[in-house]
């Protein structure tokens, strides 16, 4: 007899959420956007019958999935580590505990009504970028992909008055919004706006003798160009400097073998190349849509 499964879609239950508290043994097979539970392999702890025959299975399983915000990884290689799953409820809590300057809040709210607003980094990402710049003591930064300027404004706000951020963006309309907020935030003198193709801008900086003179760089542009941008920025960023790349998890698609569109494949390949790159040490952080922090060595 073929094995059947229950599938809970992540509109109500997230793939990382914990269901082992009601069922035994603690084993979950998850795929992007779903949680699959084998009906033959699970027993209900409340009545000790097989899950298929359990009269209380629906209420108890759903209640467990909705109220627990962690999962105990059953694979021994994870040491049964409790991994936090960021549900909408928990993410609201996170954002309430992330300091966001008023000028950034205004920019975020204006951008929310614009086309492509999903490209804007989140407040927690902006806070992390600003903190990295501060910890590094950065004075010279580069951003590849500005959009309406949330991340570049967050960076510029923490740069010293003598600091400089080269902001590369090819879309003039969104760049006008960014420039307006640079002015409102009092950081226009720190931002060198470059309208055009980022690769061309980076190559011109190298030709102008600016190699190894930048402390920090952030990539948030065309994903299939990530490797090109990264190679150019490796020339521009000094040893000990940081290069941060956004969208490395790509809405979870990078981990789904059924997804093979060009952008996903490109990001997946880039992530693999970064892992093997001996010129940097990296940390992949599951914040926003995933960010990888690279330190040039």
C-alpha atoms as a PDB file:
ATOM      1  CA  UNK A   1       0.000   0.000   0.000  1.00  0.00           C
ATOM      2  CA  UNK A   2       1.435   3.380  -0.957  1.00  0.00           C
ATOM      3  CA  UNK A   3       2.307   5.770   1.855  1.00  0.00           C
ATOM      4  CA  UNK A   4       0.142   8.877   2.097  1.00  0.00           C
ATOM      5  CA  UNK A   5       0.932  12.239   3.644  1.00  0.00           C
ATOM      6  CA  UNK A   6      -0.706  15.222   5.273  1.00  0.00           C
ATOM      7  CA  UNK A   7       0.443  18.497   3.783  1.00  0.00           C
ATOM      8  CA  UNK A   8       0.116  21.800   5.646  1.00  0.00           C
ATOM      9  CA  UNK A   9       0.685  24.859   3.477  1.00  0.00           C
ATOM     10  CA  UNK A  10       2.660  27.709   4.980  1.00  0.00           C
ATOM     11  CA  UNK A  11      -0.218  30.164   4.693  1.00  0.00           C
ATOM     12  CA  UNK A  12      -1.153  28.825   8.125  1.00  0.00           C
ATOM     13  CA  UNK A  13       1.807  26.664   9.124  1.00  0.00           C
ATOM     14  CA  UNK A  14       5.471  27.329   8.387  1.00  0.00           C
ATOM     15  CA  UNK A  15       7.811  24.578   7.280  1.00  0.00           C
ATOM     16  CA  UNK A  16      10.051  25.045  10.318  1.00  0.00           C
ATOM     17  CA  UNK A  17       7.304  24.895  12.918  1.00  0.00           C
ATOM     18  CA  UNK A  18       7.394  22.173  15.550  1.00  0.00           C
ATOM     19  CA  UNK A  19       4.842  19.352  15.544  1.00  0.00           C
ATOM     20  CA  UNK A  20       6.776  16.748  17.503  1.00  0.00           C
ATOM     21  CA  UNK A  21       5.219  17.714  20.838  1.00  0.00           C
ATOM     22  CA  UNK A  22       2.018  15.821  19.994  1.00  0.00           C
ATOM     23  CA  UNK A  23       3.348  13.038  17.780  1.00  0.00           C
ATOM     24  CA  UNK A  24       6.011  10.385  18.067  1.00  0.00           C
ATOM     25  CA  UNK A  25       8.639   9.741  16.728  1.00  0.00           C
ATOM     26  CA  UNK A  26       9.854  13.323  16.149  1.00  0.00           C
ATOM     27  CA  UNK A  27      10.373  13.238  12.412  1.00  0.00           C
ATOM     28  CA  UNK A  28       9.254  15.818   9.892  1.00  0.00           C
ATOM     29  CA  UNK A  29       9.826  15.782   6.164  1.00  0.00           C
ATOM     30  CA  UNK A  30       9.647  19.375   4.965  1.00  0.00           C
ATOM     31  CA  UNK A  31       9.796  21.012   1.585  1.00  0.00           C
ATOM     32  CA  UNK A  32       9.661  24.691   0.655  1.00  0.00           C
ATOM     33  CA  UNK A  33       6.310  26.044   1.807  1.00  0.00           C
ATOM     34  CA  UNK A  34       4.966  22.768   3.229  1.00  0.00           C
ATOM     35  CA  UNK A  35       5.251  20.360   6.134  1.00  0.00           C
ATOM     36  CA  UNK A  36       4.711  16.704   5.243  1.00  0.00           C
ATOM     37  CA  UNK A  37       3.822  14.130   7.891  1.00  0.00           C
ATOM     38  CA  UNK A  38       3.805  10.418   7.032  1.00  0.00           C
ATOM     39  CA  UNK A  39       0.571   8.873   8.292  1.00  0.00           C
ATOM     40  CA  UNK A  40       2.077   5.398   8.619  1.00  0.00           C
ATOM     41  CA  UNK A  41       5.048   6.475  10.732  1.00  0.00           C
ATOM     42  CA  UNK A  42       3.454   8.697  13.353  1.00  0.00           C
ATOM     43  CA  UNK A  43       1.657   7.864  16.602  1.00  0.00           C
ATOM     44  CA  UNK A  44      -0.363  10.252  18.726  1.00  0.00           C
ATOM     45  CA  UNK A  45       1.022  10.559  22.258  1.00  0.00           C
ATOM     46  CA  UNK A  46      -2.400  11.286  23.727  1.00  0.00           C
ATOM     47  CA  UNK A  47      -4.071   8.026  22.713  1.00  0.00           C
ATOM     48  CA  UNK A  48      -1.172   5.786  21.565  1.00  0.00           C
ATOM     49  CA  UNK A  49      -2.976   4.778  18.357  1.00  0.00           C
ATOM     50  CA  UNK A  50      -1.578   5.184  14.894  1.00  0.00           C
ATOM     51  CA  UNK A  51      -2.105   8.687  13.544  1.00  0.00           C
ATOM     52  CA  UNK A  52      -4.563   7.409  10.899  1.00  0.00           C
ATOM     53  CA  UNK A  53      -6.878   6.113  13.626  1.00  0.00           C
ATOM     54  CA  UNK A  54      -6.432   8.960  16.104  1.00  0.00           C
ATOM     55  CA  UNK A  55      -9.676  10.840  16.782  1.00  0.00           C
ATOM     56  CA  UNK A  56      -7.914  13.918  18.168  1.00  0.00           C
ATOM     57  CA  UNK A  57      -5.308  14.272  15.419  1.00  0.00           C
ATOM     58  CA  UNK A  58      -6.588  17.368  13.640  1.00  0.00           C
ATOM     59  CA  UNK A  59      -7.119  19.752  16.540  1.00  0.00           C
ATOM     60  CA  UNK A  60      -3.985  18.717  18.355  1.00  0.00           C
ATOM     61  CA  UNK A  61      -1.665  18.771  15.352  1.00  0.00           C
ATOM     62  CA  UNK A  62      -2.883  22.114  14.051  1.00  0.00           C
ATOM     63  CA  UNK A  63      -2.793  23.700  17.512  1.00  0.00           C
ATOM     64  CA  UNK A  64       0.763  22.457  17.993  1.00  0.00           C
ATOM     65  CA  UNK A  65       1.881  23.805  14.624  1.00  0.00           C
ATOM     66  CA  UNK A  66       0.334  27.221  15.204  1.00  0.00           C
ATOM     67  CA  UNK A  67       1.591  27.895  18.713  1.00  0.00           C
ATOM     68  CA  UNK A  68       5.196  26.657  18.631  1.00  0.00           C
ATOM     69  CA  UNK A  69       7.836  28.810  16.999  1.00  0.00           C
ATOM     70  CA  UNK A  70      10.741  26.380  16.997  1.00  0.00           C
ATOM     71  CA  UNK A  71      11.551  22.935  15.695  1.00  0.00           C
ATOM     72  CA  UNK A  72      13.845  20.317  17.174  1.00  0.00           C
ATOM     73  CA  UNK A  73      15.963  19.043  14.293  1.00  0.00           C
ATOM     74  CA  UNK A  74      15.805  15.267  14.419  1.00  0.00           C
ATOM     75  CA  UNK A  75      18.991  14.648  12.438  1.00  0.00           C
ATOM     76  CA  UNK A  76      21.811  13.855  14.862  1.00  0.00           C
ATOM     77  CA  UNK A  77      24.236  16.061  12.940  1.00  0.00           C
ATOM     78  CA  UNK A  78      22.331  19.096  14.260  1.00  0.00           C
ATOM     79  CA  UNK A  79      22.504  17.864  17.842  1.00  0.00           C
ATOM     80  CA  UNK A  80      18.734  18.320  18.257  1.00  0.00           C
ATOM     81  CA  UNK A  81      19.304  22.066  18.136  1.00  0.00           C
ATOM     82  CA  UNK A  82      16.199  24.199  18.641  1.00  0.00           C
ATOM     83  CA  UNK A  83      16.062  26.416  15.559  1.00  0.00           C
ATOM     84  CA  UNK A  84      13.862  29.491  15.669  1.00  0.00           C
ATOM     85  CA  UNK A  85      11.356  29.800  12.842  1.00  0.00           C
ATOM     86  CA  UNK A  86      10.427  33.424  12.143  1.00  0.00           C
ATOM     87  CA  UNK A  87       6.653  33.425  11.885  1.00  0.00           C
ATOM     88  CA  UNK A  88       4.767  36.675  11.102  1.00  0.00           C
ATOM     89  CA  UNK A  89       3.921  37.012  14.801  1.00  0.00           C
ATOM     90  CA  UNK A  90       7.556  36.635  15.832  1.00  0.00           C
ATOM     91  CA  UNK A  91       8.759  38.928  13.036  1.00  0.00           C
ATOM     92  CA  UNK A  92       6.411  41.655  14.285  1.00  0.00           C
ATOM     93  CA  UNK A  93       8.072  41.276  17.673  1.00  0.00           C
ATOM     94  CA  UNK A  94      11.536  41.556  16.094  1.00  0.00           C
ATOM     95  CA  UNK A  95      10.643  44.741  14.224  1.00  0.00           C
ATOM     96  CA  UNK A  96       9.240  46.293  17.398  1.00  0.00           C
ATOM     97  CA  UNK A  97      12.658  45.781  18.967  1.00  0.00           C
ATOM     98  CA  UNK A  98      14.736  47.106  16.060  1.00  0.00           C
ATOM     99  CA  UNK A  99      15.608  50.816  16.371  1.00  0.00           C
ATOM    100  CA  UNK A 100      14.683  52.628  13.164  1.00  0.00           C
ATOM    101  CA  UNK A 101      15.469  56.327  12.661  1.00  0.00           C
ATOM    102  CA  UNK A 102      12.412  58.383  11.731  1.00  0.00           C
ATOM    103  CA  UNK A 103      13.842  59.315   8.325  1.00  0.00           C
ATOM    104  CA  UNK A 104      14.239  55.616   7.449  1.00  0.00           C
ATOM    105  CA  UNK A 105      10.683  54.889   8.567  1.00  0.00           C
ATOM    106  CA  UNK A 106       9.391  57.659   6.291  1.00  0.00           C
ATOM    107  CA  UNK A 107      11.366  56.306   3.339  1.00  0.00           C
ATOM    108  CA  UNK A 108      10.166  52.762   3.998  1.00  0.00           C
ATOM    109  CA  UNK A 109       6.525  53.856   4.097  1.00  0.00           C
ATOM    110  CA  UNK A 110       6.810  55.889   0.895  1.00  0.00           C
ATOM    111  CA  UNK A 111       8.538  53.028  -0.901  1.00  0.00           C
ATOM    112  CA  UNK A 112       5.832  50.569   0.191  1.00  0.00           C
ATOM    113  CA  UNK A 113       3.414  52.181  -2.275  1.00  0.00           C
ATOM    114  CA  UNK A 114       5.840  51.965  -5.193  1.00  0.00           C
ATOM    115  CA  UNK A 115       6.286  49.313  -7.822  1.00  0.00           C
ATOM    116  CA  UNK A 116       8.977  46.839  -6.808  1.00  0.00           C
ATOM    117  CA  UNK A 117       8.693  47.722  -3.122  1.00  0.00           C
ATOM    118  CA  UNK A 118       9.695  44.154  -2.227  1.00  0.00           C
ATOM    119  CA  UNK A 119      13.239  45.065  -3.292  1.00  0.00           C
ATOM    120  CA  UNK A 120      13.631  47.380  -0.306  1.00  0.00           C
ATOM    121  CA  UNK A 121      15.681  45.913   2.536  1.00  0.00           C
ATOM    122  CA  UNK A 122      13.880  45.421   5.841  1.00  0.00           C
ATOM    123  CA  UNK A 123      14.543  47.475   9.004  1.00  0.00           C
ATOM    124  CA  UNK A 124      16.437  44.625  10.657  1.00  0.00           C
ATOM    125  CA  UNK A 125      18.669  44.318   7.591  1.00  0.00           C
ATOM    126  CA  UNK A 126      19.279  48.060   7.559  1.00  0.00           C
ATOM    127  CA  UNK A 127      20.228  47.955  11.230  1.00  0.00           C
ATOM    128  CA  UNK A 128      22.691  45.099  10.616  1.00  0.00           C
ATOM    129  CA  UNK A 129      24.349  46.907   7.690  1.00  0.00           C
ATOM    130  CA  UNK A 130      24.728  50.085   9.737  1.00  0.00           C
ATOM    131  CA  UNK A 131      26.177  48.178  12.670  1.00  0.00           C
ATOM    132  CA  UNK A 132      28.706  46.370  10.466  1.00  0.00           C
ATOM    133  CA  UNK A 133      29.851  49.709   9.058  1.00  0.00           C
ATOM    134  CA  UNK A 134      30.223  51.114  12.580  1.00  0.00           C
ATOM    135  CA  UNK A 135      32.064  48.065  13.931  1.00  0.00           C
ATOM    136  CA  UNK A 136      34.412  48.163  10.951  1.00  0.00           C
ATOM    137  CA  UNK A 137      35.043  51.872  11.400  1.00  0.00           C
ATOM    138  CA  UNK A 138      34.344  52.233   7.695  1.00  0.00           C
ATOM    139  CA  UNK A 139      34.804  55.547   5.923  1.00  0.00           C
ATOM    140  CA  UNK A 140      34.636  54.489   2.265  1.00  0.00           C
ATOM    141  CA  UNK A 141      31.729  52.308   1.129  1.00  0.00           C
ATOM    142  CA  UNK A 142      30.113  51.119  -2.102  1.00  0.00           C
ATOM    143  CA  UNK A 143      26.540  50.038  -2.737  1.00  0.00           C
ATOM    144  CA  UNK A 144      25.578  48.130  -5.875  1.00  0.00           C
ATOM    145  CA  UNK A 145      21.836  48.529  -6.340  1.00  0.00           C
ATOM    146  CA  UNK A 146      20.274  51.475  -4.505  1.00  0.00           C
ATOM    147  CA  UNK A 147      16.572  51.316  -5.453  1.00  0.00           C
ATOM    148  CA  UNK A 148      14.961  54.047  -3.285  1.00  0.00           C
ATOM    149  CA  UNK A 149      17.889  54.211  -0.905  1.00  0.00           C
ATOM    150  CA  UNK A 150      16.907  52.556   2.382  1.00  0.00           C
ATOM    151  CA  UNK A 151      20.149  50.609   2.814  1.00  0.00           C
ATOM    152  CA  UNK A 152      22.389  53.390   1.503  1.00  0.00           C
ATOM    153  CA  UNK A 153      20.685  55.921   3.785  1.00  0.00           C
ATOM    154  CA  UNK A 154      21.118  53.588   6.765  1.00  0.00           C
ATOM    155  CA  UNK A 155      24.825  53.314   5.943  1.00  0.00           C
ATOM    156  CA  UNK A 156      25.325  57.032   5.234  1.00  0.00           C
ATOM    157  CA  UNK A 157      23.698  58.001   8.524  1.00  0.00           C
ATOM    158  CA  UNK A 158      26.431  56.210  10.502  1.00  0.00           C
ATOM    159  CA  UNK A 159      29.379  57.265   8.332  1.00  0.00           C
ATOM    160  CA  UNK A 160      31.565  60.077   9.680  1.00  0.00           C
ATOM    161  CA  UNK A 161      31.175  63.469   7.983  1.00  0.00           C
ATOM    162  CA  UNK A 162      34.338  62.771   6.019  1.00  0.00           C
ATOM    163  CA  UNK A 163      32.973  59.415   4.861  1.00  0.00           C
ATOM    164  CA  UNK A 164      31.863  58.542   1.351  1.00  0.00           C
ATOM    165  CA  UNK A 165      29.366  56.053  -0.087  1.00  0.00           C
ATOM    166  CA  UNK A 166      29.469  55.382  -3.821  1.00  0.00           C
ATOM    167  CA  UNK A 167      25.842  54.520  -4.661  1.00  0.00           C
ATOM    168  CA  UNK A 168      25.344  52.710  -7.999  1.00  0.00           C
ATOM    169  CA  UNK A 169      21.844  52.555  -9.508  1.00  0.00           C
ATOM    170  CA  UNK A 170      20.613  52.264 -13.093  1.00  0.00           C
ATOM    171  CA  UNK A 171      16.993  53.329 -12.508  1.00  0.00           C
ATOM    172  CA  UNK A 172      16.715  57.119 -12.523  1.00  0.00           C
ATOM    173  CA  UNK A 173      13.167  57.229 -11.139  1.00  0.00           C
ATOM    174  CA  UNK A 174      13.867  55.270  -7.968  1.00  0.00           C
ATOM    175  CA  UNK A 175      17.161  57.098  -7.569  1.00  0.00           C
ATOM    176  CA  UNK A 176      15.302  60.412  -7.386  1.00  0.00           C
ATOM    177  CA  UNK A 177      13.478  59.131  -4.298  1.00  0.00           C
ATOM    178  CA  UNK A 178      16.786  58.091  -2.766  1.00  0.00           C
ATOM    179  CA  UNK A 179      18.362  61.478  -3.457  1.00  0.00           C
ATOM    180  CA  UNK A 180      15.402  63.232  -1.839  1.00  0.00           C
ATOM    181  CA  UNK A 181      15.907  61.259   1.363  1.00  0.00           C
ATOM    182  CA  UNK A 182      19.675  61.747   1.335  1.00  0.00           C
ATOM    183  CA  UNK A 183      18.876  65.466   1.410  1.00  0.00           C
ATOM    184  CA  UNK A 184      16.219  65.115   4.121  1.00  0.00           C
ATOM    185  CA  UNK A 185      18.574  62.979   6.183  1.00  0.00           C
ATOM    186  CA  UNK A 186      21.399  65.476   5.862  1.00  0.00           C
ATOM    187  CA  UNK A 187      23.788  62.991   4.256  1.00  0.00           C
ATOM    188  CA  UNK A 188      23.903  64.150   0.619  1.00  0.00           C
ATOM    189  CA  UNK A 189      27.502  65.281   1.066  1.00  0.00           C
ATOM    190  CA  UNK A 190      28.471  61.704   1.981  1.00  0.00           C
ATOM    191  CA  UNK A 191      26.800  59.995  -0.999  1.00  0.00           C
ATOM    192  CA  UNK A 192      28.365  59.930  -4.467  1.00  0.00           C
ATOM    193  CA  UNK A 193      25.441  58.922  -6.693  1.00  0.00           C
ATOM    194  CA  UNK A 194      26.351  57.006  -9.861  1.00  0.00           C
ATOM    195  CA  UNK A 195      23.519  56.578 -12.389  1.00  0.00           C
ATOM    196  CA  UNK A 196      24.337  53.773 -14.805  1.00  0.00           C
ATOM    197  CA  UNK A 197      25.459  50.172 -14.957  1.00  0.00           C
ATOM    198  CA  UNK A 198      27.198  49.197 -11.739  1.00  0.00           C
ATOM    199  CA  UNK A 199      29.809  47.038 -13.456  1.00  0.00           C
ATOM    200  CA  UNK A 200      30.908  50.017 -15.546  1.00  0.00           C
ATOM    201  CA  UNK A 201      31.112  52.218 -12.439  1.00  0.00           C
ATOM    202  CA  UNK A 202      33.188  49.660 -10.528  1.00  0.00           C
ATOM    203  CA  UNK A 203      35.545  49.144 -13.442  1.00  0.00           C
ATOM    204  CA  UNK A 204      36.054  52.912 -13.719  1.00  0.00           C
ATOM    205  CA  UNK A 205      36.933  53.099 -10.006  1.00  0.00           C
ATOM    206  CA  UNK A 206      39.591  50.445 -10.514  1.00  0.00           C
ATOM    207  CA  UNK A 207      40.997  52.260 -13.565  1.00  0.00           C
ATOM    208  CA  UNK A 208      41.111  55.462 -11.497  1.00  0.00           C
ATOM    209  CA  UNK A 209      43.468  53.770  -9.040  1.00  0.00           C
ATOM    210  CA  UNK A 210      40.993  53.157  -6.211  1.00  0.00           C
ATOM    211  CA  UNK A 211      41.746  49.453  -5.745  1.00  0.00           C
ATOM    212  CA  UNK A 212      41.929  48.285  -2.115  1.00  0.00           C
ATOM    213  CA  UNK A 213      40.736  51.680  -0.858  1.00  0.00           C
ATOM    214  CA  UNK A 214      37.189  50.797   0.261  1.00  0.00           C
ATOM    215  CA  UNK A 215      36.172  49.357   3.609  1.00  0.00           C
ATOM    216  CA  UNK A 216      32.679  48.038   2.945  1.00  0.00           C
ATOM    217  CA  UNK A 217      30.453  47.061   0.019  1.00  0.00           C
ATOM    218  CA  UNK A 218      26.844  45.914  -0.290  1.00  0.00           C
ATOM    219  CA  UNK A 219      25.461  44.047  -3.318  1.00  0.00           C
ATOM    220  CA  UNK A 220      21.704  44.143  -3.914  1.00  0.00           C
ATOM    221  CA  UNK A 221      21.228  44.261  -7.688  1.00  0.00           C
ATOM    222  CA  UNK A 222      20.763  41.895 -10.653  1.00  0.00           C
ATOM    223  CA  UNK A 223      21.318  38.444  -9.157  1.00  0.00           C
ATOM    224  CA  UNK A 224      22.831  36.910 -12.261  1.00  0.00           C
ATOM    225  CA  UNK A 225      25.558  39.561 -12.047  1.00  0.00           C
ATOM    226  CA  UNK A 226      26.533  38.725  -8.455  1.00  0.00           C
ATOM    227  CA  UNK A 227      29.755  36.963  -9.402  1.00  0.00           C
ATOM    228  CA  UNK A 228      30.819  39.842 -11.672  1.00  0.00           C
ATOM    229  CA  UNK A 229      30.096  42.445  -8.994  1.00  0.00           C
ATOM    230  CA  UNK A 230      31.860  40.339  -6.374  1.00  0.00           C
ATOM    231  CA  UNK A 231      35.038  39.984  -8.436  1.00  0.00           C
ATOM    232  CA  UNK A 232      35.201  43.733  -9.075  1.00  0.00           C
ATOM    233  CA  UNK A 233      34.517  44.584  -5.432  1.00  0.00           C
ATOM    234  CA  UNK A 234      37.228  42.179  -4.278  1.00  0.00           C
ATOM    235  CA  UNK A 235      39.641  44.439  -6.128  1.00  0.00           C
ATOM    236  CA  UNK A 236      38.188  47.599  -4.598  1.00  0.00           C
ATOM    237  CA  UNK A 237      37.775  46.473  -0.968  1.00  0.00           C
ATOM    238  CA  UNK A 238      40.834  46.372   1.284  1.00  0.00           C
ATOM    239  CA  UNK A 239      42.062  43.329   3.163  1.00  0.00           C
ATOM    240  CA  UNK A 240      39.913  43.032   6.284  1.00  0.00           C
ATOM    241  CA  UNK A 241      37.041  44.848   4.588  1.00  0.00           C
ATOM    242  CA  UNK A 242      33.540  43.449   4.144  1.00  0.00           C
ATOM    243  CA  UNK A 243      31.370  42.607   1.141  1.00  0.00           C
ATOM    244  CA  UNK A 244      27.726  41.810   1.963  1.00  0.00           C
ATOM    245  CA  UNK A 245      25.413  40.163  -0.569  1.00  0.00           C
ATOM    246  CA  UNK A 246      21.619  40.257  -0.247  1.00  0.00           C
ATOM    247  CA  UNK A 247      18.979  37.685  -1.334  1.00  0.00           C
ATOM    248  CA  UNK A 248      21.250  34.657  -1.013  1.00  0.00           C
ATOM    249  CA  UNK A 249      18.299  32.490   0.125  1.00  0.00           C
ATOM    250  CA  UNK A 250      16.024  33.775  -2.661  1.00  0.00           C
ATOM    251  CA  UNK A 251      12.705  33.124  -0.896  1.00  0.00           C
ATOM    252  CA  UNK A 252      13.899  29.607  -0.065  1.00  0.00           C
ATOM    253  CA  UNK A 253      14.121  28.610  -3.723  1.00  0.00           C
ATOM    254  CA  UNK A 254      17.864  27.886  -3.518  1.00  0.00           C
ATOM    255  CA  UNK A 255      17.096  24.871  -1.304  1.00  0.00           C
ATOM    256  CA  UNK A 256      14.310  23.533  -3.529  1.00  0.00           C
ATOM    257  CA  UNK A 257      15.699  21.099  -6.154  1.00  0.00           C
ATOM    258  CA  UNK A 258      12.482  21.473  -8.159  1.00  0.00           C
ATOM    259  CA  UNK A 259      13.268  25.132  -8.897  1.00  0.00           C
ATOM    260  CA  UNK A 260      15.709  25.660 -11.750  1.00  0.00           C
ATOM    261  CA  UNK A 261      14.960  29.081 -13.236  1.00  0.00           C
ATOM    262  CA  UNK A 262      18.046  31.100 -14.314  1.00  0.00           C
ATOM    263  CA  UNK A 263      18.082  33.500 -11.345  1.00  0.00           C
ATOM    264  CA  UNK A 264      17.734  30.747  -8.756  1.00  0.00           C
ATOM    265  CA  UNK A 265      20.401  28.619 -10.409  1.00  0.00           C
ATOM    266  CA  UNK A 266      22.685  31.653 -10.576  1.00  0.00           C
ATOM    267  CA  UNK A 267      22.296  32.418  -6.866  1.00  0.00           C
ATOM    268  CA  UNK A 268      22.712  28.745  -5.978  1.00  0.00           C
ATOM    269  CA  UNK A 269      25.954  28.558  -7.983  1.00  0.00           C
ATOM    270  CA  UNK A 270      27.206  31.817  -6.511  1.00  0.00           C
ATOM    271  CA  UNK A 271      26.584  30.572  -2.964  1.00  0.00           C
ATOM    272  CA  UNK A 272      28.541  27.412  -3.745  1.00  0.00           C
ATOM    273  CA  UNK A 273      31.442  29.401  -5.205  1.00  0.00           C
ATOM    274  CA  UNK A 274      31.571  31.662  -2.158  1.00  0.00           C
ATOM    275  CA  UNK A 275      31.791  28.629   0.102  1.00  0.00           C
ATOM    276  CA  UNK A 276      34.854  27.431  -1.802  1.00  0.00           C
ATOM    277  CA  UNK A 277      36.493  30.871  -2.245  1.00  0.00           C
ATOM    278  CA  UNK A 278      39.743  31.037  -0.266  1.00  0.00           C
ATOM    279  CA  UNK A 279      39.992  34.811  -0.672  1.00  0.00           C
ATOM    280  CA  UNK A 280      37.237  35.430   1.854  1.00  0.00           C
ATOM    281  CA  UNK A 281      35.731  34.038   5.030  1.00  0.00           C
ATOM    282  CA  UNK A 282      31.950  34.061   5.056  1.00  0.00           C
ATOM    283  CA  UNK A 283      28.878  33.937   7.254  1.00  0.00           C
ATOM    284  CA  UNK A 284      25.437  33.305   5.736  1.00  0.00           C
ATOM    285  CA  UNK A 285      22.839  35.034   7.892  1.00  0.00           C
ATOM    286  CA  UNK A 286      19.107  34.116   7.607  1.00  0.00           C
ATOM    287  CA  UNK A 287      17.916  37.700   7.946  1.00  0.00           C
ATOM    288  CA  UNK A 288      15.468  39.177   5.443  1.00  0.00           C
ATOM    289  CA  UNK A 289      15.884  37.111   2.282  1.00  0.00           C
ATOM    290  CA  UNK A 290      19.287  35.929   3.450  1.00  0.00           C
ATOM    291  CA  UNK A 291      22.563  37.851   3.534  1.00  0.00           C
ATOM    292  CA  UNK A 292      26.119  36.566   3.208  1.00  0.00           C
ATOM    293  CA  UNK A 293      28.838  38.570   4.924  1.00  0.00           C
ATOM    294  CA  UNK A 294      32.279  38.155   3.351  1.00  0.00           C
ATOM    295  CA  UNK A 295      35.527  39.353   4.929  1.00  0.00           C
ATOM    296  CA  UNK A 296      38.447  39.738   2.528  1.00  0.00           C
ATOM    297  CA  UNK A 297      41.603  37.992   3.762  1.00  0.00           C
END
